[in-house]
PDB file of N, CA and C in Angstrom:
ATOM      1  N   MET A   1     -13.430  -0.547  -1.566  1.00  0.00           N
ATOM      2  CA  MET A   1     -12.635  -1.723  -1.785  1.00  0.00           C
ATOM      3  C   MET A   1     -11.168  -1.427  -1.935  1.00  0.00           C
ATOM      4  N   PRO A   2     -10.677  -0.436  -1.263  1.00  0.00           N
ATOM      5  CA  PRO A   2      -9.244  -0.209  -1.390  1.00  0.00           C
ATOM      6  C   PRO A   2      -8.429  -1.422  -0.948  1.00  0.00           C
ATOM      7  N   LEU A   3      -7.381  -1.664  -1.693  1.00  0.00           N
ATOM      8  CA  LEU A   3      -6.422  -2.714  -1.363  1.00  0.00           C
ATOM      9  C   LEU A   3      -5.042  -2.105  -1.432  1.00  0.00           C
ATOM     10  N   ILE A   4      -4.275  -2.279  -0.374  1.00  0.00           N
ATOM     11  CA  ILE A   4      -2.877  -1.882  -0.408  1.00  0.00           C
ATOM     12  C   ILE A   4      -2.042  -3.129  -0.162  1.00  0.00           C
ATOM     13  N   LYS A   5      -1.123  -3.367  -1.079  1.00  0.00           N
ATOM     14  CA  LYS A   5      -0.184  -4.478  -0.964  1.00  0.00           C
ATOM     15  C   LYS A   5       1.203  -3.879  -0.818  1.00  0.00           C
ATOM     16  N   ILE A   6       1.883  -4.264   0.232  1.00  0.00           N
ATOM     17  CA  ILE A   6       3.235  -3.786   0.492  1.00  0.00           C
ATOM     18  C   ILE A   6       4.153  -4.998   0.522  1.00  0.00           C
ATOM     19  N   GLU A   7       5.139  -4.984  -0.349  1.00  0.00           N
ATOM     20  CA  GLU A   7       6.155  -6.034  -0.361  1.00  0.00           C
ATOM     21  C   GLU A   7       7.490  -5.353  -0.103  1.00  0.00           C
ATOM     22  N   THR A   8       8.228  -5.865   0.868  1.00  0.00           N
ATOM     23  CA  THR A   8       9.483  -5.227   1.248  1.00  0.00           C
ATOM     24  C   THR A   8      10.536  -6.242   1.660  1.00  0.00           C
ATOM     25  N   ASN A   9      11.784  -5.846   1.500  1.00  0.00           N
ATOM     26  CA  ASN A   9      12.874  -6.683   1.992  1.00  0.00           C
ATOM     27  C   ASN A   9      13.271  -6.270   3.411  1.00  0.00           C
ATOM     28  N   GLN A  10      12.655  -5.226   3.916  1.00  0.00           N
ATOM     29  CA  GLN A  10      12.938  -4.730   5.257  1.00  0.00           C
ATOM     30  C   GLN A  10      12.301  -5.657   6.281  1.00  0.00           C
ATOM     31  N   ALA A  11      13.029  -5.947   7.352  1.00  0.00           N
ATOM     32  CA  ALA A  11      12.471  -6.775   8.418  1.00  0.00           C
ATOM     33  C   ALA A  11      11.215  -6.108   8.971  1.00  0.00           C
ATOM     34  N   LEU A  12      10.197  -6.903   9.206  1.00  0.00           N
ATOM     35  CA  LEU A  12       8.938  -6.373   9.716  1.00  0.00           C
ATOM     36  C   LEU A  12       9.010  -6.228  11.232  1.00  0.00           C
ATOM     37  N   PRO A  13       8.285  -5.257  11.764  1.00  0.00           N
ATOM     38  CA  PRO A  13       8.291  -5.093  13.220  1.00  0.00           C
ATOM     39  C   PRO A  13       7.647  -6.298  13.896  1.00  0.00           C
ATOM     40  N   GLU A  14       7.978  -6.472  15.145  1.00  0.00           N
ATOM     41  CA  GLU A  14       7.428  -7.600  15.897  1.00  0.00           C
ATOM     42  C   GLU A  14       5.904  -7.547  15.937  1.00  0.00           C
ATOM     43  N   ASP A  15       5.362  -6.352  16.072  1.00  0.00           N
ATOM     44  CA  ASP A  15       3.905  -6.175  16.135  1.00  0.00           C
ATOM     45  C   ASP A  15       3.366  -5.828  14.748  1.00  0.00           C
ATOM     46  N   THR A  16       3.334  -6.824  13.861  1.00  0.00           N
ATOM     47  CA  THR A  16       2.841  -6.560  12.507  1.00  0.00           C
ATOM     48  C   THR A  16       1.348  -6.255  12.508  1.00  0.00           C
ATOM     49  N   ALA A  17       0.616  -6.757  13.495  1.00  0.00           N
ATOM     50  CA  ALA A  17      -0.816  -6.466  13.570  1.00  0.00           C
ATOM     51  C   ALA A  17      -1.035  -4.960  13.720  1.00  0.00           C
ATOM     52  N   ALA A  18      -0.204  -4.305  14.511  1.00  0.00           N
ATOM     53  CA  ALA A  18      -0.334  -2.853  14.681  1.00  0.00           C
ATOM     54  C   ALA A  18      -0.027  -2.138  13.372  1.00  0.00           C
ATOM     55  N   LEU A  19       0.983  -2.594  12.661  1.00  0.00           N
ATOM     56  CA  LEU A  19       1.327  -1.992  11.373  1.00  0.00           C
ATOM     57  C   LEU A  19       0.192  -2.163  10.373  1.00  0.00           C
ATOM     58  N   LEU A  20      -0.433  -3.330  10.346  1.00  0.00           N
ATOM     59  CA  LEU A  20      -1.575  -3.565   9.454  1.00  0.00           C
ATOM     60  C   LEU A  20      -2.728  -2.619   9.796  1.00  0.00           C
ATOM     61  N   ARG A  21      -3.007  -2.440  11.079  1.00  0.00           N
ATOM     62  CA  ARG A  21      -4.081  -1.527  11.499  1.00  0.00           C
ATOM     63  C   ARG A  21      -3.763  -0.090  11.094  1.00  0.00           C
ATOM     64  N   GLN A  22      -2.514   0.316  11.269  1.00  0.00           N
ATOM     65  CA  GLN A  22      -2.113   1.678  10.916  1.00  0.00           C
ATOM     66  C   GLN A  22      -2.212   1.900   9.415  1.00  0.00           C
ATOM     67  N   ALA A  23      -1.796   0.913   8.640  1.00  0.00           N
ATOM     68  CA  ALA A  23      -1.875   1.028   7.181  1.00  0.00           C
ATOM     69  C   ALA A  23      -3.332   1.096   6.734  1.00  0.00           C
ATOM     70  N   SER A  24      -4.185   0.296   7.337  1.00  0.00           N
ATOM     71  CA  SER A  24      -5.601   0.291   6.996  1.00  0.00           C
ATOM     72  C   SER A  24      -6.231   1.654   7.268  1.00  0.00           C
ATOM     73  N   ALA A  25      -5.961   2.199   8.439  1.00  0.00           N
ATOM     74  CA  ALA A  25      -6.511   3.509   8.792  1.00  0.00           C
ATOM     75  C   ALA A  25      -5.961   4.599   7.873  1.00  0.00           C
ATOM     76  N   ALA A  26      -4.678   4.504   7.529  1.00  0.00           N
ATOM     77  CA  ALA A  26      -4.061   5.511   6.652  1.00  0.00           C
ATOM     78  C   ALA A  26      -4.700   5.496   5.271  1.00  0.00           C
ATOM     79  N   VAL A  27      -4.914   4.312   4.711  1.00  0.00           N
ATOM     80  CA  VAL A  27      -5.519   4.198   3.372  1.00  0.00           C
ATOM     81  C   VAL A  27      -6.950   4.716   3.390  1.00  0.00           C
ATOM     82  N   ALA A  28      -7.712   4.331   4.406  1.00  0.00           N
ATOM     83  CA  ALA A  28      -9.095   4.820   4.505  1.00  0.00           C
ATOM     84  C   ALA A  28      -9.114   6.342   4.562  1.00  0.00           C
ATOM     85  N   GLY A  29      -8.229   6.917   5.348  1.00  0.00           N
ATOM     86  CA  GLY A  29      -8.170   8.365   5.467  1.00  0.00           C
ATOM     87  C   GLY A  29      -7.741   9.051   4.184  1.00  0.00           C
ATOM     88  N   MET A  30      -6.731   8.498   3.520  1.00  0.00           N
ATOM     89  CA  MET A  30      -6.233   9.092   2.277  1.00  0.00           C
ATOM     90  C   MET A  30      -7.302   9.115   1.194  1.00  0.00           C
ATOM     91  N   LEU A  31      -8.082   8.042   1.120  1.00  0.00           N
ATOM     92  CA  LEU A  31      -9.052   7.900   0.041  1.00  0.00           C
ATOM     93  C   LEU A  31     -10.467   8.315   0.442  1.00  0.00           C
ATOM     94  N   GLY A  32     -10.674   8.587   1.716  1.00  0.00           N
ATOM     95  CA  GLY A  32     -12.017   8.955   2.173  1.00  0.00           C
ATOM     96  C   GLY A  32     -13.005   7.821   2.041  1.00  0.00           C
ATOM     97  N   LYS A  33     -12.537   6.601   2.262  1.00  0.00           N
ATOM     98  CA  LYS A  33     -13.390   5.412   2.143  1.00  0.00           C
ATOM     99  C   LYS A  33     -13.560   4.785   3.518  1.00  0.00           C
ATOM    100  N   PRO A  34     -14.652   4.051   3.730  1.00  0.00           N
ATOM    101  CA  PRO A  34     -14.823   3.374   5.013  1.00  0.00           C
ATOM    102  C   PRO A  34     -13.727   2.331   5.221  1.00  0.00           C
ATOM    103  N   GLU A  35     -13.161   2.318   6.406  1.00  0.00           N
ATOM    104  CA  GLU A  35     -12.109   1.342   6.687  1.00  0.00           C
ATOM    105  C   GLU A  35     -12.637  -0.088   6.612  1.00  0.00           C
ATOM    106  N   SER A  36     -13.938  -0.267   6.751  1.00  0.00           N
ATOM    107  CA  SER A  36     -14.521  -1.610   6.691  1.00  0.00           C
ATOM    108  C   SER A  36     -14.324  -2.267   5.329  1.00  0.00           C
ATOM    109  N   TYR A  37     -13.958  -1.484   4.302  1.00  0.00           N
ATOM    110  CA  TYR A  37     -13.700  -2.041   2.977  1.00  0.00           C
ATOM    111  C   TYR A  37     -12.222  -2.176   2.654  1.00  0.00           C
ATOM    112  N   VAL A  38     -11.341  -1.706   3.515  1.00  0.00           N
ATOM    113  CA  VAL A  38      -9.910  -1.682   3.220  1.00  0.00           C
ATOM    114  C   VAL A  38      -9.278  -3.047   3.521  1.00  0.00           C
ATOM    115  N   MET A  39      -8.493  -3.536   2.563  1.00  0.00           N
ATOM    116  CA  MET A  39      -7.706  -4.752   2.763  1.00  0.00           C
ATOM    117  C   MET A  39      -6.236  -4.381   2.681  1.00  0.00           C
ATOM    118  N   VAL A  40      -5.442  -4.957   3.589  1.00  0.00           N
ATOM    119  CA  VAL A  40      -4.003  -4.698   3.632  1.00  0.00           C
ATOM    120  C   VAL A  40      -3.269  -6.024   3.522  1.00  0.00           C
ATOM    121  N   SER A  41      -2.288  -6.054   2.643  1.00  0.00           N
ATOM    122  CA  SER A  41      -1.417  -7.221   2.501  1.00  0.00           C
ATOM    123  C   SER A  41       0.015  -6.752   2.706  1.00  0.00           C
ATOM    124  N   LEU A  42       0.707  -7.390   3.625  1.00  0.00           N
ATOM    125  CA  LEU A  42       2.081  -7.023   3.951  1.00  0.00           C
ATOM    126  C   LEU A  42       2.946  -8.268   3.821  1.00  0.00           C
ATOM    127  N   THR A  43       3.939  -8.201   2.941  1.00  0.00           N
ATOM    128  CA  THR A  43       4.786  -9.353   2.676  1.00  0.00           C
ATOM    129  C   THR A  43       6.253  -8.998   2.859  1.00  0.00           C
ATOM    130  N   HIS A  44       6.942  -9.819   3.624  1.00  0.00           N
ATOM    131  CA  HIS A  44       8.389  -9.678   3.743  1.00  0.00           C
ATOM    132  C   HIS A  44       9.023 -10.599   2.709  1.00  0.00           C
ATOM    133  N   ASN A  45       9.820 -10.014   1.841  1.00  0.00           N
ATOM    134  CA  ASN A  45      10.517 -10.776   0.804  1.00  0.00           C
ATOM    135  C   ASN A  45      11.982 -10.353   0.820  1.00  0.00           C
ATOM    136  N   PRO A  46      12.840 -11.135   1.459  1.00  0.00           N
ATOM    137  CA  PRO A  46      14.246 -10.740   1.546  1.00  0.00           C
ATOM    138  C   PRO A  46      14.970 -10.775   0.203  1.00  0.00           C
ATOM    139  N   HIS A  47      14.350 -11.360  -0.794  1.00  0.00           N
ATOM    140  CA  HIS A  47      14.982 -11.502  -2.109  1.00  0.00           C
ATOM    141  C   HIS A  47      14.524 -10.408  -3.056  1.00  0.00           C
ATOM    142  N   MET A  48      14.818  -9.159  -2.687  1.00  0.00           N
ATOM    143  CA  MET A  48      14.462  -8.013  -3.515  1.00  0.00           C
ATOM    144  C   MET A  48      15.685  -7.126  -3.690  1.00  0.00           C
ATOM    145  N   SER A  49      15.737  -6.487  -4.851  1.00  0.00           N
ATOM    146  CA  SER A  49      16.830  -5.579  -5.159  1.00  0.00           C
ATOM    147  C   SER A  49      16.273  -4.397  -5.938  1.00  0.00           C
ATOM    148  N   PHE A  50      16.857  -3.225  -5.729  1.00  0.00           N
ATOM    149  CA  PHE A  50      16.458  -2.025  -6.454  1.00  0.00           C
ATOM    150  C   PHE A  50      17.726  -1.229  -6.733  1.00  0.00           C
ATOM    151  N   ALA A  51      17.930  -0.862  -7.989  1.00  0.00           N
ATOM    152  CA  ALA A  51      19.123  -0.114  -8.405  1.00  0.00           C
ATOM    153  C   ALA A  51      20.400  -0.865  -8.048  1.00  0.00           C
ATOM    154  N   GLY A  52      20.325  -2.190  -8.146  1.00  0.00           N
ATOM    155  CA  GLY A  52      21.499  -3.018  -7.883  1.00  0.00           C
ATOM    156  C   GLY A  52      21.853  -3.161  -6.421  1.00  0.00           C
ATOM    157  N   SER A  53      20.941  -2.756  -5.530  1.00  0.00           N
ATOM    158  CA  SER A  53      21.213  -2.785  -4.095  1.00  0.00           C
ATOM    159  C   SER A  53      20.079  -3.473  -3.349  1.00  0.00           C
ATOM    160  N   SER A  54      20.448  -4.184  -2.300  1.00  0.00           N
ATOM    161  CA  SER A  54      19.431  -4.816  -1.459  1.00  0.00           C
ATOM    162  C   SER A  54      19.166  -3.995  -0.192  1.00  0.00           C
ATOM    163  N   ALA A  55      19.519  -2.708  -0.217  1.00  0.00           N
ATOM    164  CA  ALA A  55      19.164  -1.810   0.888  1.00  0.00           C
ATOM    165  C   ALA A  55      17.641  -1.801   1.025  1.00  0.00           C
ATOM    166  N   PRO A  56      17.112  -1.387   2.174  1.00  0.00           N
ATOM    167  CA  PRO A  56      15.664  -1.412   2.378  1.00  0.00           C
ATOM    168  C   PRO A  56      14.895  -0.773   1.218  1.00  0.00           C
ATOM    169  N   LEU A  57      13.858  -1.488   0.772  1.00  0.00           N
ATOM    170  CA  LEU A  57      13.037  -1.049  -0.356  1.00  0.00           C
ATOM    171  C   LEU A  57      11.627  -1.583  -0.206  1.00  0.00           C
ATOM    172  N   ALA A  58      10.730  -1.043  -1.002  1.00  0.00           N
ATOM    173  CA  ALA A  58       9.351  -1.532  -0.998  1.00  0.00           C
ATOM    174  C   ALA A  58       8.729  -1.365  -2.376  1.00  0.00           C
ATOM    175  N   TYR A  59       7.865  -2.308  -2.705  1.00  0.00           N
ATOM    176  CA  TYR A  59       6.998  -2.217  -3.865  1.00  0.00           C
ATOM    177  C   TYR A  59       5.579  -2.206  -3.313  1.00  0.00           C
ATOM    178  N   VAL A  60       4.800  -1.210  -3.719  1.00  0.00           N
ATOM    179  CA  VAL A  60       3.454  -1.020  -3.174  1.00  0.00           C
ATOM    180  C   VAL A  60       2.454  -0.974  -4.318  1.00  0.00           C
ATOM    181  N   GLU A  61       1.322  -1.613  -4.123  1.00  0.00           N
ATOM    182  CA  GLU A  61       0.191  -1.490  -5.037  1.00  0.00           C
ATOM    183  C   GLU A  61      -0.965  -0.899  -4.252  1.00  0.00           C
ATOM    184  N   LEU A  62      -1.554   0.158  -4.780  1.00  0.00           N
ATOM    185  CA  LEU A  62      -2.755   0.740  -4.190  1.00  0.00           C
ATOM    186  C   LEU A  62      -3.840   0.696  -5.247  1.00  0.00           C
ATOM    187  N   LYS A  63      -4.872  -0.092  -4.962  1.00  0.00           N
ATOM    188  CA  LYS A  63      -5.996  -0.245  -5.888  1.00  0.00           C
ATOM    189  C   LYS A  63      -7.256   0.224  -5.184  1.00  0.00           C
ATOM    190  N   SER A  64      -8.094   0.933  -5.940  1.00  0.00           N
ATOM    191  CA  SER A  64      -9.347   1.388  -5.363  1.00  0.00           C
ATOM    192  C   SER A  64     -10.319   1.760  -6.465  1.00  0.00           C
ATOM    193  N   LEU A  65     -11.574   1.399  -6.284  1.00  0.00           N
ATOM    194  CA  LEU A  65     -12.609   1.881  -7.190  1.00  0.00           C
ATOM    195  C   LEU A  65     -12.646   3.396  -7.091  1.00  0.00           C
ATOM    196  N   GLY A  66     -12.722   4.058  -8.204  1.00  0.00           N
ATOM    197  CA  GLY A  66     -12.787   5.508  -8.205  1.00  0.00           C
ATOM    198  C   GLY A  66     -11.510   6.175  -7.729  1.00  0.00           C
ATOM    199  N   LEU A  67     -10.371   5.529  -7.959  1.00  0.00           N
ATOM    200  CA  LEU A  67      -9.092   6.103  -7.544  1.00  0.00           C
ATOM    201  C   LEU A  67      -8.941   7.494  -8.165  1.00  0.00           C
ATOM    202  N   PRO A  68      -8.721   8.497  -7.350  1.00  0.00           N
ATOM    203  CA  PRO A  68      -8.619   9.866  -7.870  1.00  0.00           C
ATOM    204  C   PRO A  68      -7.251  10.097  -8.536  1.00  0.00           C
ATOM    205  N   GLU A  69      -7.170   9.849  -9.838  1.00  0.00           N
ATOM    206  CA  GLU A  69      -5.891   9.936 -10.549  1.00  0.00           C
ATOM    207  C   GLU A  69      -5.172  11.268 -10.360  1.00  0.00           C
ATOM    208  N   PRO A  70      -5.868  12.404 -10.345  1.00  0.00           N
ATOM    209  CA  PRO A  70      -5.138  13.664 -10.143  1.00  0.00           C
ATOM    210  C   PRO A  70      -4.461  13.758  -8.771  1.00  0.00           C
ATOM    211  N   ARG A  71      -4.888  12.923  -7.829  1.00  0.00           N
ATOM    212  CA  ARG A  71      -4.322  12.959  -6.481  1.00  0.00           C
ATOM    213  C   ARG A  71      -3.180  11.978  -6.275  1.00  0.00           C
ATOM    214  N   THR A  72      -2.793  11.206  -7.312  1.00  0.00           N
ATOM    215  CA  THR A  72      -1.754  10.196  -7.098  1.00  0.00           C
ATOM    216  C   THR A  72      -0.416  10.783  -6.640  1.00  0.00           C
ATOM    217  N   PRO A  73       0.000  11.984  -7.086  1.00  0.00           N
ATOM    218  CA  PRO A  73       1.255  12.514  -6.532  1.00  0.00           C
ATOM    219  C   PRO A  73       1.193  12.694  -5.007  1.00  0.00           C
ATOM    220  N   GLY A  74       0.080  13.198  -4.514  1.00  0.00           N
ATOM    221  CA  GLY A  74      -0.077  13.366  -3.069  1.00  0.00           C
ATOM    222  C   GLY A  74      -0.184  12.037  -2.343  1.00  0.00           C
ATOM    223  N   LEU A  75      -0.886  11.094  -2.956  1.00  0.00           N
ATOM    224  CA  LEU A  75      -0.990   9.757  -2.370  1.00  0.00           C
ATOM    225  C   LEU A  75       0.386   9.113  -2.293  1.00  0.00           C
ATOM    226  N   SER A  76       1.189   9.304  -3.348  1.00  0.00           N
ATOM    227  CA  SER A  76       2.546   8.773  -3.359  1.00  0.00           C
ATOM    228  C   SER A  76       3.358   9.348  -2.207  1.00  0.00           C
ATOM    229  N   ALA A  77       3.276  10.652  -2.024  1.00  0.00           N
ATOM    230  CA  ALA A  77       4.018  11.292  -0.934  1.00  0.00           C
ATOM    231  C   ALA A  77       3.575  10.755   0.425  1.00  0.00           C
ATOM    232  N   THR A  78       2.270  10.611   0.614  1.00  0.00           N
ATOM    233  CA  THR A  78       1.754  10.124   1.894  1.00  0.00           C
ATOM    234  C   THR A  78       2.183   8.683   2.150  1.00  0.00           C
ATOM    235  N   LEU A  79       2.120   7.834   1.127  1.00  0.00           N
ATOM    236  CA  LEU A  79       2.542   6.449   1.298  1.00  0.00           C
ATOM    237  C   LEU A  79       4.034   6.360   1.593  1.00  0.00           C
ATOM    238  N   CYS A  80       4.829   7.168   0.909  1.00  0.00           N
ATOM    239  CA  CYS A  80       6.275   7.158   1.169  1.00  0.00           C
ATOM    240  C   CYS A  80       6.575   7.625   2.587  1.00  0.00           C
ATOM    241  N   GLU A  81       5.863   8.639   3.063  1.00  0.00           N
ATOM    242  CA  GLU A  81       6.034   9.097   4.443  1.00  0.00           C
ATOM    243  C   GLU A  81       5.676   7.976   5.422  1.00  0.00           C
ATOM    244  N   PHE A  82       4.610   7.243   5.135  1.00  0.00           N
ATOM    245  CA  PHE A  82       4.194   6.131   5.989  1.00  0.00           C
ATOM    246  C   PHE A  82       5.291   5.071   6.050  1.00  0.00           C
ATOM    247  N   LEU A  83       5.838   4.703   4.885  1.00  0.00           N
ATOM    248  CA  LEU A  83       6.876   3.673   4.845  1.00  0.00           C
ATOM    249  C   LEU A  83       8.156   4.123   5.535  1.00  0.00           C
ATOM    250  N   GLU A  84       8.485   5.397   5.400  1.00  0.00           N
ATOM    251  CA  GLU A  84       9.669   5.939   6.081  1.00  0.00           C
ATOM    252  C   GLU A  84       9.471   5.892   7.594  1.00  0.00           C
ATOM    253  N   ALA A  85       8.296   6.300   8.052  1.00  0.00           N
ATOM    254  CA  ALA A  85       8.018   6.358   9.489  1.00  0.00           C
ATOM    255  C   ALA A  85       7.923   4.979  10.133  1.00  0.00           C
ATOM    256  N   HIS A  86       7.328   4.020   9.429  1.00  0.00           N
ATOM    257  CA  HIS A  86       7.046   2.723  10.047  1.00  0.00           C
ATOM    258  C   HIS A  86       8.037   1.624   9.695  1.00  0.00           C
ATOM    259  N   LEU A  87       8.702   1.730   8.543  1.00  0.00           N
ATOM    260  CA  LEU A  87       9.634   0.677   8.133  1.00  0.00           C
ATOM    261  C   LEU A  87      11.033   1.209   7.803  1.00  0.00           C
ATOM    262  N   GLU A  88      11.227   2.511   7.971  1.00  0.00           N
ATOM    263  CA  GLU A  88      12.527   3.140   7.716  1.00  0.00           C
ATOM    264  C   GLU A  88      13.016   2.910   6.282  1.00  0.00           C
ATOM    265  N   ILE A  89      12.071   3.005   5.341  1.00  0.00           N
ATOM    266  CA  ILE A  89      12.406   2.869   3.923  1.00  0.00           C
ATOM    267  C   ILE A  89      12.364   4.256   3.299  1.00  0.00           C
ATOM    268  N   PRO A  90      13.479   4.738   2.755  1.00  0.00           N
ATOM    269  CA  PRO A  90      13.479   6.065   2.135  1.00  0.00           C
ATOM    270  C   PRO A  90      12.629   6.106   0.873  1.00  0.00           C
ATOM    271  N   ALA A  91      12.045   7.255   0.604  1.00  0.00           N
ATOM    272  CA  ALA A  91      11.133   7.424  -0.531  1.00  0.00           C
ATOM    273  C   ALA A  91      11.780   7.033  -1.852  1.00  0.00           C
ATOM    274  N   GLU A  92      13.056   7.291  -2.002  1.00  0.00           N
ATOM    275  CA  GLU A  92      13.718   6.966  -3.274  1.00  0.00           C
ATOM    276  C   GLU A  92      13.934   5.469  -3.465  1.00  0.00           C
ATOM    277  N   ARG A  93      13.513   4.669  -2.475  1.00  0.00           N
ATOM    278  CA  ARG A  93      13.631   3.212  -2.578  1.00  0.00           C
ATOM    279  C   ARG A  93      12.244   2.560  -2.630  1.00  0.00           C
ATOM    280  N   VAL A  94      11.248   3.318  -3.101  1.00  0.00           N
ATOM    281  CA  VAL A  94       9.867   2.836  -3.144  1.00  0.00           C
ATOM    282  C   VAL A  94       9.301   3.024  -4.546  1.00  0.00           C
ATOM    283  N   TYR A  95       8.703   1.967  -5.075  1.00  0.00           N
ATOM    284  CA  TYR A  95       7.886   2.057  -6.283  1.00  0.00           C
ATOM    285  C   TYR A  95       6.440   1.830  -5.860  1.00  0.00           C
ATOM    286  N   ILE A  96       5.536   2.608  -6.443  1.00  0.00           N
ATOM    287  CA  ILE A  96       4.113   2.479  -6.133  1.00  0.00           C
ATOM    288  C   ILE A  96       3.338   2.363  -7.440  1.00  0.00           C
ATOM    289  N   GLU A  97       2.496   1.371  -7.508  1.00  0.00           N
ATOM    290  CA  GLU A  97       1.606   1.200  -8.669  1.00  0.00           C
ATOM    291  C   GLU A  97       0.179   1.523  -8.227  1.00  0.00           C
ATOM    292  N   PHE A  98      -0.437   2.484  -8.880  1.00  0.00           N
ATOM    293  CA  PHE A  98      -1.817   2.865  -8.602  1.00  0.00           C
ATOM    294  C   PHE A  98      -2.722   2.273  -9.676  1.00  0.00           C
ATOM    295  N   SER A  99      -3.891   1.800  -9.273  1.00  0.00           N
ATOM    296  CA  SER A  99      -4.861   1.363 -10.277  1.00  0.00           C
ATOM    297  C   SER A  99      -6.277   1.541  -9.740  1.00  0.00           C
ATOM    298  N   GLY A 100      -7.172   1.821 -10.677  1.00  0.00           N
ATOM    299  CA  GLY A 100      -8.585   2.009 -10.360  1.00  0.00           C
ATOM    300  C   GLY A 100      -9.420   1.132 -11.274  1.00  0.00           C
ATOM    301  N   PRO A 101      -9.653  -0.119 -10.879  1.00  0.00           N
ATOM    302  CA  PRO A 101     -10.397  -1.027 -11.749  1.00  0.00           C
ATOM    303  C   PRO A 101     -11.851  -0.596 -11.928  1.00  0.00           C
ATOM    304  N   GLU A 102     -12.440  -1.058 -13.012  1.00  0.00           N
ATOM    305  CA  GLU A 102     -13.876  -0.858 -13.230  1.00  0.00           C
ATOM    306  C   GLU A 102     -14.637  -1.667 -12.175  1.00  0.00           C
ATOM    307  N   ARG A 103     -15.795  -1.182 -11.786  1.00  0.00           N
ATOM    308  CA  ARG A 103     -16.579  -1.827 -10.726  1.00  0.00           C
ATOM    309  C   ARG A 103     -16.898  -3.291 -11.048  1.00  0.00           C
ATOM    310  N   HIS A 104     -17.184  -3.585 -12.299  1.00  0.00           N
ATOM    311  CA  HIS A 104     -17.546  -4.952 -12.665  1.00  0.00           C
ATOM    312  C   HIS A 104     -16.339  -5.893 -12.684  1.00  0.00           C
ATOM    313  N   LEU A 105     -15.140  -5.358 -12.521  1.00  0.00           N
ATOM    314  CA  LEU A 105     -13.927  -6.177 -12.507  1.00  0.00           C
ATOM    315  C   LEU A 105     -13.387  -6.402 -11.096  1.00  0.00           C
ATOM    316  N   TRP A 106     -14.185  -6.046 -10.094  1.00  0.00           N
ATOM    317  CA  TRP A 106     -13.759  -6.269  -8.713  1.00  0.00           C
ATOM    318  C   TRP A 106     -14.865  -7.014  -7.998  1.00  0.00           C
ATOM    319  N   GLY A 107     -14.569  -8.240  -7.581  1.00  0.00           N
ATOM    320  CA  GLY A 107     -15.571  -9.077  -6.915  1.00  0.00           C
ATOM    321  C   GLY A 107     -15.504  -8.989  -5.416  1.00  0.00           C
ATOM    322  N   TRP A 108     -16.653  -9.146  -4.774  1.00  0.00           N
ATOM    323  CA  TRP A 108     -16.758  -9.170  -3.327  1.00  0.00           C
ATOM    324  C   TRP A 108     -18.119  -9.750  -2.949  1.00  0.00           C
ATOM    325  N   ASN A 109     -18.130 -10.587  -1.931  1.00  0.00           N
ATOM    326  CA  ASN A 109     -19.376 -11.089  -1.361  1.00  0.00           C
ATOM    327  C   ASN A 109     -20.255 -11.767  -2.421  1.00  0.00           C
ATOM    328  N   SER A 110     -19.648 -12.606  -3.212  1.00  0.00           N
ATOM    329  CA  SER A 110     -20.339 -13.398  -4.248  1.00  0.00           C
ATOM    330  C   SER A 110     -20.893 -12.558  -5.398  1.00  0.00           C
ATOM    331  N   ALA A 111     -20.429 -11.324  -5.532  1.00  0.00           N
ATOM    332  CA  ALA A 111     -20.910 -10.459  -6.609  1.00  0.00           C
ATOM    333  C   ALA A 111     -19.765  -9.530  -7.029  1.00  0.00           C
ATOM    334  N   THR A 112     -20.079  -8.495  -7.747  1.00  0.00           N
ATOM    335  CA  THR A 112     -19.101  -7.463  -8.056  1.00  0.00           C
ATOM    336  C   THR A 112     -19.639  -6.129  -7.556  1.00  0.00           C
ATOM    337  N   PHE A 113     -18.783  -5.139  -7.543  1.00  0.00           N
ATOM    338  CA  PHE A 113     -19.217  -3.819  -7.080  1.00  0.00           C
ATOM    339  C   PHE A 113     -19.997  -3.110  -8.166  1.00  0.00           C
TER     340      PHE A 113
END
């Protein structure tokens, strides 16, 4: 049930469907989870500021059952590389929130995990 939410003030590419597919595959690969469970949310929000500047930035949430907390530094690096490559957002302009909810706190298909 990985979920990645990306909110950015950077203009999105014309082919956002391709970016969504790439993000989905990247998250599945990073976490070793089936891509069939990955959800991606991509939001353009021009009304964002970081360090007093509206230069390109992103706020990312990565949620997953069983999130490997010791691996978050590596996950952070991989996500920042992805954002730099696909949206031209430098790593120092990215905040990432990681969370690993309890199975009973994540619903899907009329039940919980």
